[in-house]
């Protein structure tokens, strides 16, 4: 390991790996939620492209939203089982 001379300045600090994870999560969520909430912007273009009615296209999006909201249910249920939760004095 090289030894720094007494008058040398230390180099710039290294980037903490946690910030890279935060930036990656931000970009993924930015694109995912941006796509989901931009559905209304592309609604007319999707109707023209696929030739569907407004009701059928809205039904497809509702089915997507229902499926997406229910797909995380098993993980939430497993995480909140009583055997994994510690009782606090306020829950007695």
PDB file of N, CA and C in Angstrom:
ATOM      1  N   UNK A   1       0.844  -1.164   0.000  1.00  0.00           N
ATOM      2  CA  UNK A   1       0.000   0.000   0.000  1.00  0.00           C
ATOM      3  C   UNK A   1       0.895   1.234   0.000  1.00  0.00           C
ATOM      4  N   UNK A   2       0.664   2.163  -0.927  1.00  0.00           N
ATOM      5  CA  UNK A   2       1.519   3.349  -0.976  1.00  0.00           C
ATOM      6  C   UNK A   2       1.266   4.268   0.206  1.00  0.00           C
ATOM      7  N   UNK A   3       2.303   4.888   0.666  1.00  0.00           N
ATOM      8  CA  UNK A   3       2.214   5.814   1.790  1.00  0.00           C
ATOM      9  C   UNK A   3       2.236   7.226   1.230  1.00  0.00           C
ATOM     10  N   UNK A   4       1.277   8.042   1.673  1.00  0.00           N
ATOM     11  CA  UNK A   4       1.203   9.421   1.194  1.00  0.00           C
ATOM     12  C   UNK A   4       2.293  10.257   1.862  1.00  0.00           C
ATOM     13  N   UNK A   5       2.826  11.186   1.102  1.00  0.00           N
ATOM     14  CA  UNK A   5       3.830  12.076   1.668  1.00  0.00           C
ATOM     15  C   UNK A   5       3.150  13.046   2.631  1.00  0.00           C
ATOM     16  N   UNK A   6       3.869  13.592   3.587  1.00  0.00           N
ATOM     17  CA  UNK A   6       3.255  14.445   4.612  1.00  0.00           C
ATOM     18  C   UNK A   6       2.579  15.688   4.046  1.00  0.00           C
ATOM     19  N   UNK A   7       3.047  16.255   2.964  1.00  0.00           N
ATOM     20  CA  UNK A   7       2.462  17.479   2.429  1.00  0.00           C
ATOM     21  C   UNK A   7       1.415  17.235   1.359  1.00  0.00           C
ATOM     22  N   UNK A   8       1.155  15.998   1.004  1.00  0.00           N
ATOM     23  CA  UNK A   8       0.215  15.711  -0.086  1.00  0.00           C
ATOM     24  C   UNK A   8      -1.227  15.851   0.390  1.00  0.00           C
ATOM     25  N   UNK A   9      -2.052  16.341  -0.505  1.00  0.00           N
ATOM     26  CA  UNK A   9      -3.474  16.460  -0.211  1.00  0.00           C
ATOM     27  C   UNK A   9      -4.171  15.148  -0.592  1.00  0.00           C
ATOM     28  N   UNK A  10      -5.178  14.768   0.169  1.00  0.00           N
ATOM     29  CA  UNK A  10      -5.922  13.562  -0.210  1.00  0.00           C
ATOM     30  C   UNK A  10      -6.746  13.833  -1.468  1.00  0.00           C
ATOM     31  N   UNK A  11      -6.994  12.790  -2.233  1.00  0.00           N
ATOM     32  CA  UNK A  11      -7.786  12.934  -3.456  1.00  0.00           C
ATOM     33  C   UNK A  11      -9.251  13.186  -3.124  1.00  0.00           C
ATOM     34  N   UNK A  12     -10.045  13.371  -4.140  1.00  0.00           N
ATOM     35  CA  UNK A  12     -11.472  13.612  -3.900  1.00  0.00           C
ATOM     36  C   UNK A  12     -12.106  12.376  -3.264  1.00  0.00           C
ATOM     37  N   UNK A  13     -13.105  12.583  -2.423  1.00  0.00           N
ATOM     38  CA  UNK A  13     -13.743  11.433  -1.774  1.00  0.00           C
ATOM     39  C   UNK A  13     -14.463  10.567  -2.808  1.00  0.00           C
ATOM     40  N   UNK A  14     -14.458   9.261  -2.555  1.00  0.00           N
ATOM     41  CA  UNK A  14     -15.148   8.348  -3.450  1.00  0.00           C
ATOM     42  C   UNK A  14     -16.651   8.504  -3.287  1.00  0.00           C
ATOM     43  N   UNK A  15     -17.375   8.201  -4.342  1.00  0.00           N
ATOM     44  CA  UNK A  15     -18.826   8.291  -4.316  1.00  0.00           C
ATOM     45  C   UNK A  15     -19.392   7.124  -3.514  1.00  0.00           C
ATOM     46  N   UNK A  16     -20.242   7.420  -2.554  1.00  0.00           N
ATOM     47  CA  UNK A  16     -20.859   6.394  -1.727  1.00  0.00           C
ATOM     48  C   UNK A  16     -21.798   5.563  -2.591  1.00  0.00           C
ATOM     49  N   UNK A  17     -21.692   4.227  -2.494  1.00  0.00           N
ATOM     50  CA  UNK A  17     -22.465   3.322  -3.322  1.00  0.00           C
ATOM     51  C   UNK A  17     -23.967   3.485  -3.095  1.00  0.00           C
ATOM     52  N   UNK A  18     -24.376   3.873  -1.924  1.00  0.00           N
ATOM     53  CA  UNK A  18     -25.793   4.068  -1.632  1.00  0.00           C
ATOM     54  C   UNK A  18     -26.436   5.122  -2.522  1.00  0.00           C
ATOM     55  N   UNK A  19     -25.685   6.150  -2.884  1.00  0.00           N
ATOM     56  CA  UNK A  19     -26.226   7.185  -3.767  1.00  0.00           C
ATOM     57  C   UNK A  19     -26.462   6.653  -5.171  1.00  0.00           C
ATOM     58  N   UNK A  20     -25.659   5.692  -5.604  1.00  0.00           N
ATOM     59  CA  UNK A  20     -25.884   5.076  -6.914  1.00  0.00           C
ATOM     60  C   UNK A  20     -27.179   4.273  -6.885  1.00  0.00           C
ATOM     61  N   UNK A  21     -27.421   3.578  -5.790  1.00  0.00           N
ATOM     62  CA  UNK A  21     -28.664   2.823  -5.639  1.00  0.00           C
ATOM     63  C   UNK A  21     -29.864   3.774  -5.620  1.00  0.00           C
ATOM     64  N   UNK A  22     -29.746   4.859  -4.906  1.00  0.00           N
ATOM     65  CA  UNK A  22     -30.834   5.841  -4.841  1.00  0.00           C
ATOM     66  C   UNK A  22     -31.111   6.418  -6.228  1.00  0.00           C
ATOM     67  N   UNK A  23     -30.067   6.753  -6.979  1.00  0.00           N
ATOM     68  CA  UNK A  23     -30.251   7.304  -8.320  1.00  0.00           C
ATOM     69  C   UNK A  23     -30.903   6.281  -9.251  1.00  0.00           C
ATOM     70  N   UNK A  24     -30.481   5.023  -9.159  1.00  0.00           N
ATOM     71  CA  UNK A  24     -31.085   3.986  -9.993  1.00  0.00           C
ATOM     72  C   UNK A  24     -32.551   3.775  -9.666  1.00  0.00           C
ATOM     73  N   UNK A  25     -32.888   3.743  -8.377  1.00  0.00           N
ATOM     74  CA  UNK A  25     -34.281   3.591  -7.967  1.00  0.00           C
ATOM     75  C   UNK A  25     -35.118   4.782  -8.417  1.00  0.00           C
ATOM     76  N   UNK A  26     -34.554   5.971  -8.324  1.00  0.00           N
ATOM     77  CA  UNK A  26     -35.271   7.160  -8.778  1.00  0.00           C
ATOM     78  C   UNK A  26     -35.580   7.084 -10.266  1.00  0.00           C
ATOM     79  N   UNK A  27     -34.612   6.693 -11.069  1.00  0.00           N
ATOM     80  CA  UNK A  27     -34.831   6.620 -12.513  1.00  0.00           C
ATOM     81  C   UNK A  27     -35.867   5.564 -12.874  1.00  0.00           C
ATOM     82  N   UNK A  28     -35.804   4.421 -12.227  1.00  0.00           N
ATOM     83  CA  UNK A  28     -36.770   3.359 -12.515  1.00  0.00           C
ATOM     84  C   UNK A  28     -38.180   3.796 -12.136  1.00  0.00           C
ATOM     85  N   UNK A  29     -38.333   4.366 -10.942  1.00  0.00           N
ATOM     86  CA  UNK A  29     -39.657   4.815 -10.518  1.00  0.00           C
ATOM     87  C   UNK A  29     -40.147   6.000 -11.345  1.00  0.00           C
ATOM     88  N   UNK A  30     -39.236   6.863 -11.743  1.00  0.00           N
ATOM     89  CA  UNK A  30     -39.608   8.005 -12.579  1.00  0.00           C
ATOM     90  C   UNK A  30     -40.195   7.520 -13.904  1.00  0.00           C
ATOM     91  N   UNK A  31     -39.559   6.537 -14.512  1.00  0.00           N
ATOM     92  CA  UNK A  31     -40.056   6.026 -15.790  1.00  0.00           C
ATOM     93  C   UNK A  31     -41.342   5.212 -15.599  1.00  0.00           C
ATOM     94  N   UNK A  32     -41.413   4.411 -14.545  1.00  0.00           N
ATOM     95  CA  UNK A  32     -42.594   3.572 -14.332  1.00  0.00           C
ATOM     96  C   UNK A  32     -43.835   4.415 -14.042  1.00  0.00           C
ATOM     97  N   UNK A  33     -43.729   5.325 -13.087  1.00  0.00           N
ATOM     98  CA  UNK A  33     -44.884   6.155 -12.765  1.00  0.00           C
ATOM     99  C   UNK A  33     -45.177   7.169 -13.866  1.00  0.00           C
ATOM    100  N   UNK A  34     -44.162   7.635 -14.548  1.00  0.00           N
ATOM    101  CA  UNK A  34     -44.397   8.540 -15.663  1.00  0.00           C
ATOM    102  C   UNK A  34     -45.187   7.872 -16.772  1.00  0.00           C
ATOM    103  N   UNK A  35     -44.870   6.626 -17.047  1.00  0.00           N
ATOM    104  CA  UNK A  35     -45.615   5.881 -18.068  1.00  0.00           C
ATOM    105  C   UNK A  35     -47.039   5.626 -17.613  1.00  0.00           C
ATOM    106  N   UNK A  36     -47.205   5.277 -16.359  1.00  0.00           N
ATOM    107  CA  UNK A  36     -48.533   4.965 -15.847  1.00  0.00           C
ATOM    108  C   UNK A  36     -49.435   6.197 -15.830  1.00  0.00           C
ATOM    109  N   UNK A  37     -48.929   7.307 -15.357  1.00  0.00           N
ATOM    110  CA  UNK A  37     -49.765   8.497 -15.246  1.00  0.00           C
ATOM    111  C   UNK A  37     -49.887   9.280 -16.539  1.00  0.00           C
ATOM    112  N   UNK A  38     -49.120   8.934 -17.557  1.00  0.00           N
ATOM    113  CA  UNK A  38     -49.238   9.601 -18.850  1.00  0.00           C
ATOM    114  C   UNK A  38     -50.264   8.910 -19.743  1.00  0.00           C
ATOM    115  N   UNK A  39     -50.967   7.928 -19.220  1.00  0.00           N
ATOM    116  CA  UNK A  39     -51.954   7.207 -20.013  1.00  0.00           C
ATOM    117  C   UNK A  39     -52.998   8.153 -20.598  1.00  0.00           C
ATOM    118  N   UNK A  40     -53.459   9.095 -19.821  1.00  0.00           N
ATOM    119  CA  UNK A  40     -54.468  10.037 -20.299  1.00  0.00           C
ATOM    120  C   UNK A  40     -53.981  10.910 -21.443  1.00  0.00           C
ATOM    121  N   UNK A  41     -52.692  11.180 -21.479  1.00  0.00           N
ATOM    122  CA  UNK A  41     -52.135  12.001 -22.553  1.00  0.00           C
ATOM    123  C   UNK A  41     -52.206  11.258 -23.889  1.00  0.00           C
ATOM    124  N   UNK A  42     -51.988   9.951 -23.849  1.00  0.00           N
ATOM    125  CA  UNK A  42     -51.982   9.149 -25.066  1.00  0.00           C
ATOM    126  C   UNK A  42     -53.315   8.472 -25.346  1.00  0.00           C
ATOM    127  N   UNK A  43     -54.346   8.797 -24.603  1.00  0.00           N
ATOM    128  CA  UNK A  43     -55.630   8.119 -24.723  1.00  0.00           C
ATOM    129  C   UNK A  43     -56.219   8.247 -26.125  1.00  0.00           C
ATOM    130  N   UNK A  44     -56.282   9.451 -26.637  1.00  0.00           N
ATOM    131  CA  UNK A  44     -56.866   9.655 -27.975  1.00  0.00           C
ATOM    132  C   UNK A  44     -56.025   8.980 -29.051  1.00  0.00           C
ATOM    133  N   UNK A  45     -54.706   9.048 -28.917  1.00  0.00           N
ATOM    134  CA  UNK A  45     -53.840   8.398 -29.906  1.00  0.00           C
ATOM    135  C   UNK A  45     -54.002   6.881 -29.869  1.00  0.00           C
ATOM    136  N   UNK A  46     -54.173   6.307 -28.692  1.00  0.00           N
ATOM    137  CA  UNK A  46     -54.381   4.863 -28.586  1.00  0.00           C
ATOM    138  C   UNK A  46     -55.722   4.446 -29.188  1.00  0.00           C
ATOM    139  N   UNK A  47     -56.748   5.251 -28.996  1.00  0.00           N
ATOM    140  CA  UNK A  47     -58.053   4.953 -29.600  1.00  0.00           C
ATOM    141  C   UNK A  47     -57.939   4.960 -31.115  1.00  0.00           C
ATOM    142  N   UNK A  48     -57.260   5.969 -31.669  1.00  0.00           N
ATOM    143  CA  UNK A  48     -57.076   6.045 -33.117  1.00  0.00           C
ATOM    144  C   UNK A  48     -56.232   4.884 -33.644  1.00  0.00           C
ATOM    145  N   UNK A  49     -55.202   4.513 -32.924  1.00  0.00           N
ATOM    146  CA  UNK A  49     -54.283   3.468 -33.379  1.00  0.00           C
ATOM    147  C   UNK A  49     -54.942   2.090 -33.387  1.00  0.00           C
ATOM    148  N   UNK A  50     -55.634   1.747 -32.298  1.00  0.00           N
ATOM    149  CA  UNK A  50     -56.192   0.407 -32.182  1.00  0.00           C
ATOM    150  C   UNK A  50     -57.645   0.313 -32.621  1.00  0.00           C
ATOM    151  N   UNK A  51     -58.315   1.444 -32.771  1.00  0.00           N
ATOM    152  CA  UNK A  51     -59.709   1.437 -33.208  1.00  0.00           C
ATOM    153  C   UNK A  51     -60.671   0.934 -32.139  1.00  0.00           C
ATOM    154  N   UNK A  52     -60.290   1.021 -30.884  1.00  0.00           N
ATOM    155  CA  UNK A  52     -61.150   0.564 -29.799  1.00  0.00           C
ATOM    156  C   UNK A  52     -62.060   1.694 -29.358  1.00  0.00           C
ATOM    157  N   UNK A  53     -63.100   1.346 -28.619  1.00  0.00           N
ATOM    158  CA  UNK A  53     -63.962   2.372 -28.047  1.00  0.00           C
ATOM    159  C   UNK A  53     -63.309   2.913 -26.775  1.00  0.00           C
ATOM    160  N   UNK A  54     -63.835   4.030 -26.297  1.00  0.00           N
ATOM    161  CA  UNK A  54     -63.292   4.610 -25.069  1.00  0.00           C
ATOM    162  C   UNK A  54     -63.499   3.668 -23.889  1.00  0.00           C
ATOM    163  N   UNK A  55     -64.643   2.980 -23.877  1.00  0.00           N
ATOM    164  CA  UNK A  55     -64.947   2.073 -22.767  1.00  0.00           C
ATOM    165  C   UNK A  55     -63.990   0.877 -22.752  1.00  0.00           C
ATOM    166  N   UNK A  56     -63.708   0.313 -23.907  1.00  0.00           N
ATOM    167  CA  UNK A  56     -62.830  -0.865 -23.927  1.00  0.00           C
ATOM    168  C   UNK A  56     -61.397  -0.483 -23.561  1.00  0.00           C
ATOM    169  N   UNK A  57     -60.926   0.665 -24.029  1.00  0.00           N
ATOM    170  CA  UNK A  57     -59.570   1.090 -23.674  1.00  0.00           C
ATOM    171  C   UNK A  57     -59.473   1.428 -22.187  1.00  0.00           C
ATOM    172  N   UNK A  58     -60.509   2.046 -21.643  1.00  0.00           N
ATOM    173  CA  UNK A  58     -60.526   2.323 -20.209  1.00  0.00           C
ATOM    174  C   UNK A  58     -60.601   1.032 -19.408  1.00  0.00           C
ATOM    175  N   UNK A  59     -61.323   0.040 -19.926  1.00  0.00           N
ATOM    176  CA  UNK A  59     -61.405  -1.250 -19.257  1.00  0.00           C
ATOM    177  C   UNK A  59     -60.062  -1.945 -19.198  1.00  0.00           C
ATOM    178  N   UNK A  60     -59.284  -1.848 -20.274  1.00  0.00           N
ATOM    179  CA  UNK A  60     -57.957  -2.446 -20.294  1.00  0.00           C
ATOM    180  C   UNK A  60     -57.064  -1.776 -19.252  1.00  0.00           C
ATOM    181  N   UNK A  61     -57.114  -0.464 -19.165  1.00  0.00           N
ATOM    182  CA  UNK A  61     -56.302   0.233 -18.177  1.00  0.00           C
ATOM    183  C   UNK A  61     -56.768  -0.089 -16.757  1.00  0.00           C
ATOM    184  N   UNK A  62     -58.080  -0.218 -16.555  1.00  0.00           N
ATOM    185  CA  UNK A  62     -58.591  -0.586 -15.228  1.00  0.00           C
ATOM    186  C   UNK A  62     -58.143  -1.987 -14.844  1.00  0.00           C
ATOM    187  N   UNK A  63     -58.144  -2.903 -15.795  1.00  0.00           N
ATOM    188  CA  UNK A  63     -57.664  -4.256 -15.536  1.00  0.00           C
ATOM    189  C   UNK A  63     -56.185  -4.241 -15.175  1.00  0.00           C
ATOM    190  N   UNK A  64     -55.412  -3.416 -15.883  1.00  0.00           N
ATOM    191  CA  UNK A  64     -53.992  -3.273 -15.564  1.00  0.00           C
ATOM    192  C   UNK A  64     -53.807  -2.720 -14.146  1.00  0.00           C
ATOM    193  N   UNK A  65     -54.548  -1.681 -13.798  1.00  0.00           N
ATOM    194  CA  UNK A  65     -54.402  -1.055 -12.481  1.00  0.00           C
ATOM    195  C   UNK A  65     -54.808  -2.038 -11.379  1.00  0.00           C
ATOM    196  N   UNK A  66     -55.878  -2.796 -11.594  1.00  0.00           N
ATOM    197  CA  UNK A  66     -56.307  -3.777 -10.604  1.00  0.00           C
ATOM    198  C   UNK A  66     -55.258  -4.870 -10.440  1.00  0.00           C
ATOM    199  N   UNK A  67     -54.736  -5.371 -11.544  1.00  0.00           N
ATOM    200  CA  UNK A  67     -53.720  -6.427 -11.490  1.00  0.00           C
ATOM    201  C   UNK A  67     -52.452  -5.931 -10.806  1.00  0.00           C
ATOM    202  N   UNK A  68     -52.030  -4.719 -11.124  1.00  0.00           N
ATOM    203  CA  UNK A  68     -50.820  -4.163 -10.514  1.00  0.00           C
ATOM    204  C   UNK A  68     -51.000  -3.949  -9.015  1.00  0.00           C
ATOM    205  N   UNK A  69     -52.179  -3.528  -8.600  1.00  0.00           N
ATOM    206  CA  UNK A  69     -52.390  -3.290  -7.172  1.00  0.00           C
ATOM    207  C   UNK A  69     -52.507  -4.590  -6.389  1.00  0.00           C
ATOM    208  N   UNK A  70     -52.995  -5.641  -7.013  1.00  0.00           N
ATOM    209  CA  UNK A  70     -53.161  -6.922  -6.328  1.00  0.00           C
ATOM    210  C   UNK A  70     -51.934  -7.821  -6.424  1.00  0.00           C
ATOM    211  N   UNK A  71     -51.009  -7.526  -7.297  1.00  0.00           N
ATOM    212  CA  UNK A  71     -49.854  -8.408  -7.460  1.00  0.00           C
ATOM    213  C   UNK A  71     -48.910  -8.346  -6.268  1.00  0.00           C
ATOM    214  N   UNK A  72     -48.930  -7.286  -5.511  1.00  0.00           N
ATOM    215  CA  UNK A  72     -48.078  -7.182  -4.338  1.00  0.00           C
ATOM    216  C   UNK A  72     -48.713  -7.712  -3.073  1.00  0.00           C
ATOM    217  N   UNK A  73     -49.947  -8.208  -3.154  1.00  0.00           N
ATOM    218  CA  UNK A  73     -50.653  -8.661  -1.971  1.00  0.00           C
ATOM    219  C   UNK A  73     -49.947  -9.795  -1.240  1.00  0.00           C
ATOM    220  N   UNK A  74     -49.454 -10.856  -1.905  1.00  0.00           N
ATOM    221  CA  UNK A  74     -48.798 -11.924  -1.139  1.00  0.00           C
ATOM    222  C   UNK A  74     -47.571 -11.445  -0.358  1.00  0.00           C
ATOM    223  N   UNK A  75     -46.802 -10.560  -0.927  1.00  0.00           N
ATOM    224  CA  UNK A  75     -45.617 -10.054  -0.225  1.00  0.00           C
ATOM    225  C   UNK A  75     -46.022  -9.205   0.971  1.00  0.00           C
ATOM    226  N   UNK A  76     -47.036  -8.385   0.815  1.00  0.00           N
ATOM    227  CA  UNK A  76     -47.499  -7.573   1.951  1.00  0.00           C
ATOM    228  C   UNK A  76     -48.082  -8.449   3.045  1.00  0.00           C
ATOM    229  N   UNK A  77     -48.804  -9.498   2.667  1.00  0.00           N
ATOM    230  CA  UNK A  77     -49.394 -10.391   3.659  1.00  0.00           C
ATOM    231  C   UNK A  77     -48.306 -11.156   4.410  1.00  0.00           C
ATOM    232  N   UNK A  78     -47.290 -11.617   3.696  1.00  0.00           N
ATOM    233  CA  UNK A  78     -46.214 -12.359   4.348  1.00  0.00           C
ATOM    234  C   UNK A  78     -45.408 -11.456   5.279  1.00  0.00           C
ATOM    235  N   UNK A  79     -45.255 -10.212   4.905  1.00  0.00           N
ATOM    236  CA  UNK A  79     -44.467  -9.295   5.724  1.00  0.00           C
ATOM    237  C   UNK A  79     -45.203  -8.866   6.983  1.00  0.00           C
ATOM    238  N   UNK A  80     -46.523  -8.999   7.003  1.00  0.00           N
ATOM    239  CA  UNK A  80     -47.284  -8.512   8.151  1.00  0.00           C
ATOM    240  C   UNK A  80     -47.906  -9.627   8.980  1.00  0.00           C
ATOM    241  N   UNK A  81     -47.422 -10.847   8.865  1.00  0.00           N
ATOM    242  CA  UNK A  81     -47.963 -11.935   9.678  1.00  0.00           C
ATOM    243  C   UNK A  81     -47.622 -11.695  11.142  1.00  0.00           C
ATOM    244  N   UNK A  82     -48.472 -12.131  12.044  1.00  0.00           N
ATOM    245  CA  UNK A  82     -48.220 -11.878  13.475  1.00  0.00           C
ATOM    246  C   UNK A  82     -46.927 -12.505  13.982  1.00  0.00           C
ATOM    247  N   UNK A  83     -46.492 -13.610  13.391  1.00  0.00           N
ATOM    248  CA  UNK A  83     -45.271 -14.240  13.886  1.00  0.00           C
ATOM    249  C   UNK A  83     -44.026 -13.413  13.579  1.00  0.00           C
ATOM    250  N   UNK A  84     -44.104 -12.527  12.628  1.00  0.00           N
ATOM    251  CA  UNK A  84     -42.939 -11.710  12.267  1.00  0.00           C
ATOM    252  C   UNK A  84     -42.985 -10.316  12.881  1.00  0.00           C
ATOM    253  N   UNK A  85     -44.095  -9.970  13.480  1.00  0.00           N
ATOM    254  CA  UNK A  85     -44.223  -8.632  14.072  1.00  0.00           C
ATOM    255  C   UNK A  85     -44.024  -8.726  15.584  1.00  0.00           C
ATOM    256  N   UNK A  86     -43.279  -7.818  16.114  1.00  0.00           N
ATOM    257  CA  UNK A  86     -43.094  -7.748  17.557  1.00  0.00           C
ATOM    258  C   UNK A  86     -44.192  -6.887  18.136  1.00  0.00           C
ATOM    259  N   UNK A  87     -44.787  -7.361  19.187  1.00  0.00           N
ATOM    260  CA  UNK A  87     -45.864  -6.591  19.808  1.00  0.00           C
ATOM    261  C   UNK A  87     -45.297  -5.397  20.553  1.00  0.00           C
ATOM    262  N   UNK A  88     -45.934  -4.318  20.385  1.00  0.00           N
ATOM    263  CA  UNK A  88     -45.527  -3.124  21.112  1.00  0.00           C
ATOM    264  C   UNK A  88     -46.526  -2.865  22.236  1.00  0.00           C
ATOM    265  N   UNK A  89     -46.155  -2.104  23.239  1.00  0.00           N
ATOM    266  CA  UNK A  89     -47.099  -1.834  24.346  1.00  0.00           C
ATOM    267  C   UNK A  89     -48.374  -1.144  23.883  1.00  0.00           C
ATOM    268  N   UNK A  90     -48.336  -0.430  22.762  1.00  0.00           N
ATOM    269  CA  UNK A  90     -49.547   0.251  22.303  1.00  0.00           C
ATOM    270  C   UNK A  90     -50.503  -0.708  21.606  1.00  0.00           C
ATOM    271  N   UNK A  91     -50.063  -1.909  21.233  1.00  0.00           N
ATOM    272  CA  UNK A  91     -50.944  -2.848  20.549  1.00  0.00           C
ATOM    273  C   UNK A  91     -51.529  -3.888  21.481  1.00  0.00           C
ATOM    274  N   UNK A  92     -51.297  -3.784  22.813  1.00  0.00           N
ATOM    275  CA  UNK A  92     -51.828  -4.773  23.753  1.00  0.00           C
ATOM    276  C   UNK A  92     -53.274  -4.539  24.010  1.00  0.00           C
TER     277      UNK A  92
END
